[in-house]
Amino acid sequence: MPSSSPDTQRTMTAVVTRSGGSVDIPDALVDATVPAPAAPTGHDILVEVKALSVNPVDVKVRAALNHAGGEERILGWDAAGTVIAVGEQTTLFQPGDDVYYAGALERPGSYGQLQLVDERIVGPKPSSLDYASAAALPLTSLTAWEALFDKLHLSRDSAGTILVLGAAGGVGSMVIQLTKALTDVSVIATASREESRDWVRSLGADAVVDHFAEDLAQQVLAIAPDGVDYVFTPQSRGRVPLLTTVVRPFGEIVAIDDERDLDLYALKDKAISWHWEFMFARPRHGYDLITQHHILSTIAELIDSGRIRGSASQTLTPRNAAQIRAAHRLIESGRTIGKIVVTDAG
């Protein structure tokens, strides 16, 4: 995807979706030439996207889209790139700055060559990482940070034990690292395959249990006999009986999935708290946007100081519809470890 001056560029290349449903539908993801974004105003910055990462939310949104009249949409909620223009109210970045961000669900995403994004939900790219490695970080880092520190209110003085379900995934990988780097909480991670187990151990998990074991509750309680203090779960369906068993009285659970009609009554007997984490709540509602800038700035510092590491596990090139389609298929397989990045850099 070649670059061009924002003053002269009227079109850009992008991967667009024209049809919901299966990723195998030809119009699900298509290479296209589309109008370039307008010049940035207000707090917006215009970014030339250098690399992107594909997340489960990309797959969910693409599959659920209903395109009437041939409408096109540009998806993508993880990017790293270079600022090429700024709005009149910007104070955090200037042209030439390298940045990374997740963006907002309601706006055109990172599958385009150029992207407008509010500077208040953008961070400075970690200087020690290339664009591809940096693009793997924003959504998962923001989700993990908000889950641990906004919802569970963990701090440097926090102790106890957290059970991280689906720990080898993108968010789980960051939950493990942030917990170990910034608290004294012990981590029990669930993983099913040997490569997943090795991955979560390498990130600092104190103990690893079999994600699909019939005796998962017993495995957890063998490590934490009084029950775990906290749980992070990316998938809640069918998990409430397990969580009721393994969480101590007055423990806390944070979930990031979209499960509806979830019956949580069994948690009441132990007065267990349930929290929802949704990283896009701040940009969607315009609430406290600057906090995401601060979080991403802190993540960059932690990366550059070596206290945590990136979670990119697979890089696809070049940045086109075929490779993004391949990334969607990998995520739909449910067997990914870490993050999948798509970039033009070899």
Foldseek 3Di string as FASTA:
>chain_A
DDDDALVPAQKWWFWKAQAAADLPPPRLTAIDIGTDDHADADQKFKWQFFKAFDDVVQNVPSNPDDHPPRDIAADGFFTKGFTRHGHPNHDPDHGGFIKIFRAAGVAHHDRIRMGIGRCLLIAGFQPVDDGQLSRLPHPLLLQLCCVVCVPVVAFQADEFEEEEEPLQEANNLNNLLCCVLTYHYAYEYEDADPVSVVSSVVSPHPHYDHNPDPCRLVVLCVVVVQATQEYEEADPVPCLVSNLRRHHQQHEYEYEYDDPPDDNVSNVVSPYYYHYTDSNPCVVVVHPSNVSHVSNHVVSVCCNVVSGHGFEDEEDDDSGRVRVSVSSVVVVVVPDGHIYMHGHDD
